[in-house]
Amino acid sequence: MIASGTWVQIERTILGPDNRAEGLPDDTKHTPYNVKIKGFLQSDAEIGQKVAIRTKIGRLLHGVLVQANPRYTHDFGDPVPELLPLGAEARSCMRAFLARGRVGE
């Protein structure tokens, strides 16, 4: 049993396959468009039950409970080698600019 007030994740269907756009690829248009949303559980429940949550911005939403205390698993992907030196280059440019004094002097 997951207690009311627990940080959870729900899943709900936004568009069923019959409501998807015609121009989508076949594998996409035959799949429901689902969303996962995190918020605070409004009453005790078990995984798989339809529940209500309150999001951090106060919206009350309903969906199927899929996880308690979900982790944030997104990242910014693999490093781009061309971008790695840019921070140092920008700091060097700023130091040179500041060493010259203010613009217009």
PDB file of N, CA and C in Angstrom:
ATOM      1  N   MET A   1       0.844  -1.179   0.000  1.00  0.00           N
ATOM      2  CA  MET A   1       0.000   0.000   0.000  1.00  0.00           C
ATOM      3  C   MET A   1       0.890   1.244   0.000  1.00  0.00           C
ATOM      4  N   ILE A   2       0.584   2.163  -0.865  1.00  0.00           N
ATOM      5  CA  ILE A   2       1.313   3.430  -0.930  1.00  0.00           C
ATOM      6  C   ILE A   2       0.451   4.485  -0.243  1.00  0.00           C
ATOM      7  N   ALA A   3       1.040   5.174   0.713  1.00  0.00           N
ATOM      8  CA  ALA A   3       0.296   6.106   1.562  1.00  0.00           C
ATOM      9  C   ALA A   3      -0.015   7.420   0.849  1.00  0.00           C
ATOM     10  N   SER A   4      -1.142   7.978   1.210  1.00  0.00           N
ATOM     11  CA  SER A   4      -1.533   9.303   0.743  1.00  0.00           C
ATOM     12  C   SER A   4      -0.422  10.298   1.059  1.00  0.00           C
ATOM     13  N   GLY A   5      -0.159  11.214   0.140  1.00  0.00           N
ATOM     14  CA  GLY A   5       0.881  12.204   0.335  1.00  0.00           C
ATOM     15  C   GLY A   5       2.232  11.812  -0.231  1.00  0.00           C
ATOM     16  N   THR A   6       2.381  10.546  -0.656  1.00  0.00           N
ATOM     17  CA  THR A   6       3.642  10.072  -1.228  1.00  0.00           C
ATOM     18  C   THR A   6       3.835  10.672  -2.621  1.00  0.00           C
ATOM     19  N   TRP A   7       5.079  11.011  -2.934  1.00  0.00           N
ATOM     20  CA  TRP A   7       5.441  11.478  -4.277  1.00  0.00           C
ATOM     21  C   TRP A   7       5.367  10.280  -5.217  1.00  0.00           C
ATOM     22  N   VAL A   8       4.545  10.364  -6.262  1.00  0.00           N
ATOM     23  CA  VAL A   8       4.297   9.232  -7.154  1.00  0.00           C
ATOM     24  C   VAL A   8       4.286   9.679  -8.608  1.00  0.00           C
ATOM     25  N   GLN A   9       4.189   8.694  -9.482  1.00  0.00           N
ATOM     26  CA  GLN A   9       4.041   8.954 -10.911  1.00  0.00           C
ATOM     27  C   GLN A   9       2.821   8.212 -11.418  1.00  0.00           C
ATOM     28  N   ILE A  10       2.017   8.914 -12.208  1.00  0.00           N
ATOM     29  CA  ILE A  10       0.860   8.291 -12.847  1.00  0.00           C
ATOM     30  C   ILE A  10       1.068   8.306 -14.349  1.00  0.00           C
ATOM     31  N   GLU A  11       0.281   7.493 -15.025  1.00  0.00           N
ATOM     32  CA  GLU A  11       0.273   7.492 -16.481  1.00  0.00           C
ATOM     33  C   GLU A  11      -1.167   7.620 -16.930  1.00  0.00           C
ATOM     34  N   ARG A  12      -1.376   8.408 -17.971  1.00  0.00           N
ATOM     35  CA  ARG A  12      -2.720   8.530 -18.535  1.00  0.00           C
ATOM     36  C   ARG A  12      -2.639   8.715 -20.034  1.00  0.00           C
ATOM     37  N   THR A  13      -3.691   8.316 -20.712  1.00  0.00           N
ATOM     38  CA  THR A  13      -3.747   8.428 -22.166  1.00  0.00           C
ATOM     39  C   THR A  13      -4.337   9.773 -22.542  1.00  0.00           C
ATOM     40  N   ILE A  14      -3.626  10.505 -23.367  1.00  0.00           N
ATOM     41  CA  ILE A  14      -4.094  11.803 -23.859  1.00  0.00           C
ATOM     42  C   ILE A  14      -4.911  11.612 -25.135  1.00  0.00           C
ATOM     43  N   LEU A  15      -4.386  10.800 -26.058  1.00  0.00           N
ATOM     44  CA  LEU A  15      -5.087  10.500 -27.314  1.00  0.00           C
ATOM     45  C   LEU A  15      -5.017   9.010 -27.589  1.00  0.00           C
ATOM     46  N   GLY A  16      -6.162   8.418 -27.878  1.00  0.00           N
ATOM     47  CA  GLY A  16      -6.187   7.028 -28.287  1.00  0.00           C
ATOM     48  C   GLY A  16      -5.770   6.917 -29.744  1.00  0.00           C
ATOM     49  N   PRO A  17      -5.473   5.699 -30.229  1.00  0.00           N
ATOM     50  CA  PRO A  17      -5.049   5.521 -31.621  1.00  0.00           C
ATOM     51  C   PRO A  17      -6.049   6.084 -32.630  1.00  0.00           C
ATOM     52  N   ASP A  18      -7.332   6.038 -32.306  1.00  0.00           N
ATOM     53  CA  ASP A  18      -8.352   6.541 -33.232  1.00  0.00           C
ATOM     54  C   ASP A  18      -8.374   8.062 -33.325  1.00  0.00           C
ATOM     55  N   ASN A  19      -7.713   8.746 -32.399  1.00  0.00           N
ATOM     56  CA  ASN A  19      -7.695  10.211 -32.402  1.00  0.00           C
ATOM     57  C   ASN A  19      -6.357  10.799 -32.840  1.00  0.00           C
ATOM     58  N   ARG A  20      -5.413   9.950 -33.209  1.00  0.00           N
ATOM     59  CA  ARG A  20      -4.094  10.432 -33.614  1.00  0.00           C
ATOM     60  C   ARG A  20      -4.152  11.022 -35.018  1.00  0.00           C
ATOM     61  N   ALA A  21      -3.220  11.911 -35.331  1.00  0.00           N
ATOM     62  CA  ALA A  21      -3.165  12.575 -36.633  1.00  0.00           C
ATOM     63  C   ALA A  21      -2.920  11.570 -37.755  1.00  0.00           C
ATOM     64  N   GLU A  22      -3.490  11.834 -38.892  1.00  0.00           N
ATOM     65  CA  GLU A  22      -3.374  10.941 -40.046  1.00  0.00           C
ATOM     66  C   GLU A  22      -1.956  10.873 -40.596  1.00  0.00           C
ATOM     67  N   GLY A  23      -1.196  11.942 -40.528  1.00  0.00           N
ATOM     68  CA  GLY A  23       0.118  11.992 -41.145  1.00  0.00           C
ATOM     69  C   GLY A  23       1.220  11.288 -40.373  1.00  0.00           C
ATOM     70  N   LEU A  24       0.906  10.666 -39.271  1.00  0.00           N
ATOM     71  CA  LEU A  24       1.930   9.996 -38.471  1.00  0.00           C
ATOM     72  C   LEU A  24       2.351   8.671 -39.104  1.00  0.00           C
ATOM     73  N   PRO A  25       3.593   8.238 -38.829  1.00  0.00           N
ATOM     74  CA  PRO A  25       3.998   6.903 -39.303  1.00  0.00           C
ATOM     75  C   PRO A  25       3.097   5.835 -38.683  1.00  0.00           C
ATOM     76  N   ASP A  26       2.925   4.707 -39.367  1.00  0.00           N
ATOM     77  CA  ASP A  26       2.011   3.656 -38.909  1.00  0.00           C
ATOM     78  C   ASP A  26       2.277   3.192 -37.481  1.00  0.00           C
ATOM     79  N   ASP A  27       3.548   2.965 -37.144  1.00  0.00           N
ATOM     80  CA  ASP A  27       3.836   2.462 -35.798  1.00  0.00           C
ATOM     81  C   ASP A  27       3.480   3.487 -34.724  1.00  0.00           C
ATOM     82  N   THR A  28       3.444   4.766 -35.081  1.00  0.00           N
ATOM     83  CA  THR A  28       3.084   5.811 -34.127  1.00  0.00           C
ATOM     84  C   THR A  28       1.575   6.003 -34.063  1.00  0.00           C
ATOM     85  N   LYS A  29       0.913   6.084 -35.205  1.00  0.00           N
ATOM     86  CA  LYS A  29      -0.516   6.397 -35.192  1.00  0.00           C
ATOM     87  C   LYS A  29      -1.380   5.277 -34.622  1.00  0.00           C
ATOM     88  N   HIS A  30      -0.837   4.054 -34.535  1.00  0.00           N
ATOM     89  CA  HIS A  30      -1.591   2.941 -33.959  1.00  0.00           C
ATOM     90  C   HIS A  30      -1.293   2.749 -32.471  1.00  0.00           C
ATOM     91  N   THR A  31      -0.554   3.701 -31.900  1.00  0.00           N
ATOM     92  CA  THR A  31      -0.172   3.640 -30.492  1.00  0.00           C
ATOM     93  C   THR A  31      -0.816   4.800 -29.751  1.00  0.00           C
ATOM     94  N   PRO A  32      -1.372   4.578 -28.562  1.00  0.00           N
ATOM     95  CA  PRO A  32      -1.940   5.701 -27.813  1.00  0.00           C
ATOM     96  C   PRO A  32      -0.847   6.695 -27.405  1.00  0.00           C
ATOM     97  N   TYR A  33      -1.230   7.952 -27.297  1.00  0.00           N
ATOM     98  CA  TYR A  33      -0.322   8.998 -26.843  1.00  0.00           C
ATOM     99  C   TYR A  33      -0.501   9.120 -25.334  1.00  0.00           C
ATOM    100  N   ASN A  34       0.482   8.627 -24.592  1.00  0.00           N
ATOM    101  CA  ASN A  34       0.418   8.608 -23.135  1.00  0.00           C
ATOM    102  C   ASN A  34       1.340   9.649 -22.543  1.00  0.00           C
ATOM    103  N   VAL A  35       1.028  10.056 -21.319  1.00  0.00           N
ATOM    104  CA  VAL A  35       1.867  10.995 -20.591  1.00  0.00           C
ATOM    105  C   VAL A  35       2.087  10.451 -19.185  1.00  0.00           C
ATOM    106  N   LYS A  36       3.275  10.690 -18.650  1.00  0.00           N
ATOM    107  CA  LYS A  36       3.576  10.343 -17.265  1.00  0.00           C
ATOM    108  C   LYS A  36       3.703  11.639 -16.487  1.00  0.00           C
ATOM    109  N   ILE A  37       3.067  11.686 -15.318  1.00  0.00           N
ATOM    110  CA  ILE A  37       3.014  12.908 -14.527  1.00  0.00           C
ATOM    111  C   ILE A  37       3.344  12.574 -13.079  1.00  0.00           C
ATOM    112  N   LYS A  38       4.120  13.431 -12.440  1.00  0.00           N
ATOM    113  CA  LYS A  38       4.488  13.228 -11.042  1.00  0.00           C
ATOM    114  C   LYS A  38       3.701  14.186 -10.155  1.00  0.00           C
ATOM    115  N   GLY A  39       3.384  13.701  -8.959  1.00  0.00           N
ATOM    116  CA  GLY A  39       2.668  14.530  -7.999  1.00  0.00           C
ATOM    117  C   GLY A  39       2.469  13.780  -6.697  1.00  0.00           C
ATOM    118  N   PHE A  40       1.699  14.374  -5.801  1.00  0.00           N
ATOM    119  CA  PHE A  40       1.457  13.800  -4.483  1.00  0.00           C
ATOM    120  C   PHE A  40       0.140  13.033  -4.480  1.00  0.00           C
ATOM    121  N   LEU A  41       0.210  11.766  -4.087  1.00  0.00           N
ATOM    122  CA  LEU A  41      -0.940  10.875  -4.051  1.00  0.00           C
ATOM    123  C   LEU A  41      -1.991  11.428  -3.091  1.00  0.00           C
ATOM    124  N   GLN A  42      -3.248  11.431  -3.507  1.00  0.00           N
ATOM    125  CA  GLN A  42      -4.311  12.024  -2.711  1.00  0.00           C
ATOM    126  C   GLN A  42      -5.016  11.037  -1.785  1.00  0.00           C
ATOM    127  N   SER A  43      -4.831   9.739  -1.994  1.00  0.00           N
ATOM    128  CA  SER A  43      -5.392   8.736  -1.081  1.00  0.00           C
ATOM    129  C   SER A  43      -4.563   7.458  -1.201  1.00  0.00           C
ATOM    130  N   ASP A  44      -4.564   6.641  -0.171  1.00  0.00           N
ATOM    131  CA  ASP A  44      -3.812   5.384  -0.194  1.00  0.00           C
ATOM    132  C   ASP A  44      -4.195   4.567  -1.426  1.00  0.00           C
ATOM    133  N   ALA A  45      -3.223   3.907  -2.041  1.00  0.00           N
ATOM    134  CA  ALA A  45      -3.506   3.138  -3.258  1.00  0.00           C
ATOM    135  C   ALA A  45      -2.406   2.120  -3.517  1.00  0.00           C
ATOM    136  N   GLU A  46      -2.674   1.238  -4.466  1.00  0.00           N
ATOM    137  CA  GLU A  46      -1.725   0.231  -4.932  1.00  0.00           C
ATOM    138  C   GLU A  46      -1.335   0.555  -6.372  1.00  0.00           C
ATOM    139  N   ILE A  47      -0.147   0.104  -6.776  1.00  0.00           N
ATOM    140  CA  ILE A  47       0.293   0.242  -8.172  1.00  0.00           C
ATOM    141  C   ILE A  47      -0.778  -0.379  -9.069  1.00  0.00           C
ATOM    142  N   GLY A  48      -1.106   0.314 -10.158  1.00  0.00           N
ATOM    143  CA  GLY A  48      -2.092  -0.178 -11.107  1.00  0.00           C
ATOM    144  C   GLY A  48      -3.487   0.376 -10.891  1.00  0.00           C
ATOM    145  N   GLN A  49      -3.738   0.999  -9.743  1.00  0.00           N
ATOM    146  CA  GLN A  49      -5.054   1.575  -9.478  1.00  0.00           C
ATOM    147  C   GLN A  49      -5.168   2.958 -10.093  1.00  0.00           C
ATOM    148  N   LYS A  50      -6.395   3.361 -10.434  1.00  0.00           N
ATOM    149  CA  LYS A  50      -6.650   4.718 -10.877  1.00  0.00           C
ATOM    150  C   LYS A  50      -6.667   5.607  -9.640  1.00  0.00           C
ATOM    151  N   VAL A  51      -5.896   6.693  -9.676  1.00  0.00           N
ATOM    152  CA  VAL A  51      -5.725   7.554  -8.513  1.00  0.00           C
ATOM    153  C   VAL A  51      -5.781   9.024  -8.914  1.00  0.00           C
ATOM    154  N   ALA A  52      -5.819   9.867  -7.909  1.00  0.00           N
ATOM    155  CA  ALA A  52      -5.702  11.311  -8.088  1.00  0.00           C
ATOM    156  C   ALA A  52      -4.385  11.759  -7.464  1.00  0.00           C
ATOM    157  N   ILE A  53      -3.736  12.695  -8.139  1.00  0.00           N
ATOM    158  CA  ILE A  53      -2.521  13.299  -7.591  1.00  0.00           C
ATOM    159  C   ILE A  53      -2.668  14.818  -7.637  1.00  0.00           C
ATOM    160  N   ARG A  54      -1.897  15.485  -6.810  1.00  0.00           N
ATOM    161  CA  ARG A  54      -1.809  16.946  -6.878  1.00  0.00           C
ATOM    162  C   ARG A  54      -0.367  17.266  -7.268  1.00  0.00           C
ATOM    163  N   THR A  55      -0.208  17.980  -8.386  1.00  0.00           N
ATOM    164  CA  THR A  55       1.127  18.312  -8.883  1.00  0.00           C
ATOM    165  C   THR A  55       1.734  19.426  -8.046  1.00  0.00           C
ATOM    166  N   LYS A  56       3.007  19.681  -8.254  1.00  0.00           N
ATOM    167  CA  LYS A  56       3.686  20.740  -7.507  1.00  0.00           C
ATOM    168  C   LYS A  56       3.084  22.115  -7.768  1.00  0.00           C
ATOM    169  N   ILE A  57       2.465  22.308  -8.924  1.00  0.00           N
ATOM    170  CA  ILE A  57       1.840  23.602  -9.196  1.00  0.00           C
ATOM    171  C   ILE A  57       0.363  23.617  -8.818  1.00  0.00           C
ATOM    172  N   GLY A  58      -0.106  22.537  -8.164  1.00  0.00           N
ATOM    173  CA  GLY A  58      -1.449  22.520  -7.613  1.00  0.00           C
ATOM    174  C   GLY A  58      -2.545  21.921  -8.470  1.00  0.00           C
ATOM    175  N   ARG A  59      -2.212  21.385  -9.653  1.00  0.00           N
ATOM    176  CA  ARG A  59      -3.256  20.776 -10.486  1.00  0.00           C
ATOM    177  C   ARG A  59      -3.641  19.417  -9.926  1.00  0.00           C
ATOM    178  N   LEU A  60      -4.928  19.116  -9.939  1.00  0.00           N
ATOM    179  CA  LEU A  60      -5.428  17.814  -9.517  1.00  0.00           C
ATOM    180  C   LEU A  60      -5.654  16.988 -10.779  1.00  0.00           C
ATOM    181  N   LEU A  61      -4.919  15.868 -10.909  1.00  0.00           N
ATOM    182  CA  LEU A  61      -4.983  15.039 -12.108  1.00  0.00           C
ATOM    183  C   LEU A  61      -5.250  13.597 -11.732  1.00  0.00           C
ATOM    184  N   HIS A  62      -5.814  12.840 -12.675  1.00  0.00           N
ATOM    185  CA  HIS A  62      -6.135  11.433 -12.461  1.00  0.00           C
ATOM    186  C   HIS A  62      -5.396  10.578 -13.472  1.00  0.00           C
ATOM    187  N   GLY A  63      -5.033   9.378 -13.065  1.00  0.00           N
ATOM    188  CA  GLY A  63      -4.370   8.442 -13.952  1.00  0.00           C
ATOM    189  C   GLY A  63      -4.094   7.154 -13.207  1.00  0.00           C
ATOM    190  N   VAL A  64      -3.377   6.253 -13.858  1.00  0.00           N
ATOM    191  CA  VAL A  64      -3.038   4.963 -13.268  1.00  0.00           C
ATOM    192  C   VAL A  64      -1.705   5.094 -12.545  1.00  0.00           C
ATOM    193  N   LEU A  65      -1.675   4.683 -11.297  1.00  0.00           N
ATOM    194  CA  LEU A  65      -0.467   4.754 -10.480  1.00  0.00           C
ATOM    195  C   LEU A  65       0.562   3.765 -11.006  1.00  0.00           C
ATOM    196  N   VAL A  66       1.756   4.261 -11.371  1.00  0.00           N
ATOM    197  CA  VAL A  66       2.780   3.377 -11.922  1.00  0.00           C
ATOM    198  C   VAL A  66       4.026   3.276 -11.049  1.00  0.00           C
ATOM    199  N   GLN A  67       4.267   4.251 -10.178  1.00  0.00           N
ATOM    200  CA  GLN A  67       5.494   4.197  -9.391  1.00  0.00           C
ATOM    201  C   GLN A  67       5.422   5.127  -8.194  1.00  0.00           C
ATOM    202  N   ALA A  68       5.976   4.671  -7.071  1.00  0.00           N
ATOM    203  CA  ALA A  68       6.132   5.515  -5.887  1.00  0.00           C
ATOM    204  C   ALA A  68       7.556   6.045  -5.851  1.00  0.00           C
ATOM    205  N   ASN A  69       7.713   7.280  -5.415  1.00  0.00           N
ATOM    206  CA  ASN A  69       9.024   7.925  -5.312  1.00  0.00           C
ATOM    207  C   ASN A  69       9.855   7.767  -6.586  1.00  0.00           C
ATOM    208  N   PRO A  70       9.316   8.224  -7.733  1.00  0.00           N
ATOM    209  CA  PRO A  70      10.024   8.059  -9.009  1.00  0.00           C
ATOM    210  C   PRO A  70      11.306   8.880  -9.051  1.00  0.00           C
ATOM    211  N   ARG A  71      12.307   8.333  -9.731  1.00  0.00           N
ATOM    212  CA  ARG A  71      13.575   9.030  -9.914  1.00  0.00           C
ATOM    213  C   ARG A  71      13.502   9.906 -11.152  1.00  0.00           C
ATOM    214  N   TYR A  72      14.336  10.912 -11.191  1.00  0.00           N
ATOM    215  CA  TYR A  72      14.534  11.679 -12.413  1.00  0.00           C
ATOM    216  C   TYR A  72      15.652  10.985 -13.176  1.00  0.00           C
ATOM    217  N   THR A  73      15.371  10.498 -14.381  1.00  0.00           N
ATOM    218  CA  THR A  73      16.341   9.716 -15.134  1.00  0.00           C
ATOM    219  C   THR A  73      16.804  10.405 -16.408  1.00  0.00           C
ATOM    220  N   HIS A  74      16.346  11.622 -16.655  1.00  0.00           N
ATOM    221  CA  HIS A  74      16.770  12.303 -17.882  1.00  0.00           C
ATOM    222  C   HIS A  74      18.165  12.893 -17.699  1.00  0.00           C
ATOM    223  N   ASP A  75      18.823  13.138 -18.810  1.00  0.00           N
ATOM    224  CA  ASP A  75      20.118  13.801 -18.791  1.00  0.00           C
ATOM    225  C   ASP A  75      20.262  14.586 -20.090  1.00  0.00           C
ATOM    226  N   PHE A  76      21.426  15.124 -20.315  1.00  0.00           N
ATOM    227  CA  PHE A  76      21.642  15.934 -21.504  1.00  0.00           C
ATOM    228  C   PHE A  76      22.367  15.166 -22.604  1.00  0.00           C
ATOM    229  N   GLY A  77      22.424  13.845 -22.475  1.00  0.00           N
ATOM    230  CA  GLY A  77      23.026  13.025 -23.514  1.00  0.00           C
ATOM    231  C   GLY A  77      24.540  12.997 -23.441  1.00  0.00           C
ATOM    232  N   ASP A  78      25.154  12.442 -24.473  1.00  0.00           N
ATOM    233  CA  ASP A  78      26.608  12.333 -24.531  1.00  0.00           C
ATOM    234  C   ASP A  78      27.240  13.708 -24.742  1.00  0.00           C
ATOM    235  N   PRO A  79      28.460  13.902 -24.214  1.00  0.00           N
ATOM    236  CA  PRO A  79      29.139  15.177 -24.436  1.00  0.00           C
ATOM    237  C   PRO A  79      29.418  15.389 -25.918  1.00  0.00           C
ATOM    238  N   VAL A  80      29.376  16.643 -26.343  1.00  0.00           N
ATOM    239  CA  VAL A  80      29.712  17.014 -27.721  1.00  0.00           C
ATOM    240  C   VAL A  80      31.124  17.586 -27.688  1.00  0.00           C
ATOM    241  N   PRO A  81      32.107  16.859 -28.235  1.00  0.00           N
ATOM    242  CA  PRO A  81      33.499  17.279 -28.127  1.00  0.00           C
ATOM    243  C   PRO A  81      33.750  18.732 -28.551  1.00  0.00           C
ATOM    244  N   GLU A  82      33.050  19.184 -29.585  1.00  0.00           N
ATOM    245  CA  GLU A  82      33.253  20.554 -30.078  1.00  0.00           C
ATOM    246  C   GLU A  82      32.813  21.605 -29.062  1.00  0.00           C
ATOM    247  N   LEU A  83      31.897  21.245 -28.152  1.00  0.00           N
ATOM    248  CA  LEU A  83      31.394  22.221 -27.183  1.00  0.00           C
ATOM    249  C   LEU A  83      32.194  22.252 -25.881  1.00  0.00           C
ATOM    250  N   LEU A  84      32.972  21.215 -25.605  1.00  0.00           N
ATOM    251  CA  LEU A  84      33.672  21.114 -24.330  1.00  0.00           C
ATOM    252  C   LEU A  84      34.608  22.290 -24.037  1.00  0.00           C
ATOM    253  N   PRO A  85      35.377  22.814 -25.007  1.00  0.00           N
ATOM    254  CA  PRO A  85      36.278  23.925 -24.673  1.00  0.00           C
ATOM    255  C   PRO A  85      35.604  25.302 -24.621  1.00  0.00           C
ATOM    256  N   LEU A  86      34.327  25.396 -24.948  1.00  0.00           N
ATOM    257  CA  LEU A  86      33.690  26.702 -25.065  1.00  0.00           C
ATOM    258  C   LEU A  86      33.642  27.480 -23.753  1.00  0.00           C
ATOM    259  N   GLY A  87      33.447  26.807 -22.618  1.00  0.00           N
ATOM    260  CA  GLY A  87      33.391  27.514 -21.340  1.00  0.00           C
ATOM    261  C   GLY A  87      34.698  28.227 -21.047  1.00  0.00           C
ATOM    262  N   ALA A  88      35.817  27.536 -21.245  1.00  0.00           N
ATOM    263  CA  ALA A  88      37.130  28.136 -21.009  1.00  0.00           C
ATOM    264  C   ALA A  88      37.384  29.284 -21.985  1.00  0.00           C
ATOM    265  N   GLU A  89      36.987  29.097 -23.247  1.00  0.00           N
ATOM    266  CA  GLU A  89      37.171  30.168 -24.236  1.00  0.00           C
ATOM    267  C   GLU A  89      36.344  31.398 -23.865  1.00  0.00           C
ATOM    268  N   ALA A  90      35.123  31.200 -23.419  1.00  0.00           N
ATOM    269  CA  ALA A  90      34.265  32.322 -23.035  1.00  0.00           C
ATOM    270  C   ALA A  90      34.852  33.062 -21.840  1.00  0.00           C
ATOM    271  N   ARG A  91      35.373  32.326 -20.838  1.00  0.00           N
ATOM    272  CA  ARG A  91      35.981  32.984 -19.680  1.00  0.00           C
ATOM    273  C   ARG A  91      37.213  33.786 -20.096  1.00  0.00           C
ATOM    274  N   SER A  92      38.005  33.233 -21.006  1.00  0.00           N
ATOM    275  CA  SER A  92      39.191  33.937 -21.496  1.00  0.00           C
ATOM    276  C   SER A  92      38.795  35.235 -22.200  1.00  0.00           C
ATOM    277  N   CYS A  93      37.775  35.184 -23.026  1.00  0.00           N
ATOM    278  CA  CYS A  93      37.289  36.381 -23.723  1.00  0.00           C
ATOM    279  C   CYS A  93      36.782  37.419 -22.731  1.00  0.00           C
ATOM    280  N   MET A  94      36.062  36.976 -21.711  1.00  0.00           N
ATOM    281  CA  MET A  94      35.536  37.905 -20.707  1.00  0.00           C
ATOM    282  C   MET A  94      36.670  38.563 -19.922  1.00  0.00           C
ATOM    283  N   ARG A  95      37.707  37.787 -19.561  1.00  0.00           N
ATOM    284  CA  ARG A  95      38.847  38.370 -18.842  1.00  0.00           C
ATOM    285  C   ARG A  95      39.530  39.432 -19.701  1.00  0.00           C
ATOM    286  N   ALA A  96      39.702  39.132 -20.988  1.00  0.00           N
ATOM    287  CA  ALA A  96      40.341  40.093 -21.892  1.00  0.00           C
ATOM    288  C   ALA A  96      39.480  41.340 -22.025  1.00  0.00           C
ATOM    289  N   PHE A  97      38.181  41.181 -22.121  1.00  0.00           N
ATOM    290  CA  PHE A  97      37.267  42.312 -22.247  1.00  0.00           C
ATOM    291  C   PHE A  97      37.315  43.174 -20.984  1.00  0.00           C
ATOM    292  N   LEU A  98      37.264  42.535 -19.827  1.00  0.00           N
ATOM    293  CA  LEU A  98      37.272  43.276 -18.567  1.00  0.00           C
ATOM    294  C   LEU A  98      38.616  43.951 -18.317  1.00  0.00           C
ATOM    295  N   ALA A  99      39.701  43.352 -18.816  1.00  0.00           N
ATOM    296  CA  ALA A  99      41.028  43.947 -18.641  1.00  0.00           C
ATOM    297  C   ALA A  99      41.161  45.240 -19.450  1.00  0.00           C
ATOM    298  N   ARG A 100      40.412  45.370 -20.533  1.00  0.00           N
ATOM    299  CA  ARG A 100      40.457  46.581 -21.358  1.00  0.00           C
ATOM    300  C   ARG A 100      39.681  47.728 -20.740  1.00  0.00           C
ATOM    301  N   GLY A 101      38.849  47.447 -19.773  1.00  0.00           N
ATOM    302  CA  GLY A 101      38.012  48.499 -19.194  1.00  0.00           C
ATOM    303  C   GLY A 101      36.654  48.502 -19.813  1.00  0.00           C
ATOM    304  N   ARG A 102      35.832  49.438 -19.373  1.00  0.00           N
ATOM    305  CA  ARG A 102      34.454  49.508 -19.859  1.00  0.00           C
ATOM    306  C   ARG A 102      34.400  49.997 -21.297  1.00  0.00           C
ATOM    307  N   VAL A 103      33.343  49.587 -21.985  1.00  0.00           N
ATOM    308  CA  VAL A 103      33.128  50.028 -23.377  1.00  0.00           C
ATOM    309  C   VAL A 103      32.932  51.537 -23.383  1.00  0.00           C
ATOM    310  N   GLY A 104      33.551  52.229 -24.314  1.00  0.00           N
ATOM    311  CA  GLY A 104      33.359  53.659 -24.455  1.00  0.00           C
ATOM    312  C   GLY A 104      34.353  54.501 -23.675  1.00  0.00           C
ATOM    313  N   GLU A 105      35.256  53.865 -22.956  1.00  0.00           N
ATOM    314  CA  GLU A 105      36.250  54.646 -22.213  1.00  0.00           C
ATOM    315  C   GLU A 105      37.486  54.839 -23.031  1.00  0.00           C
TER     316      GLU A 105
END
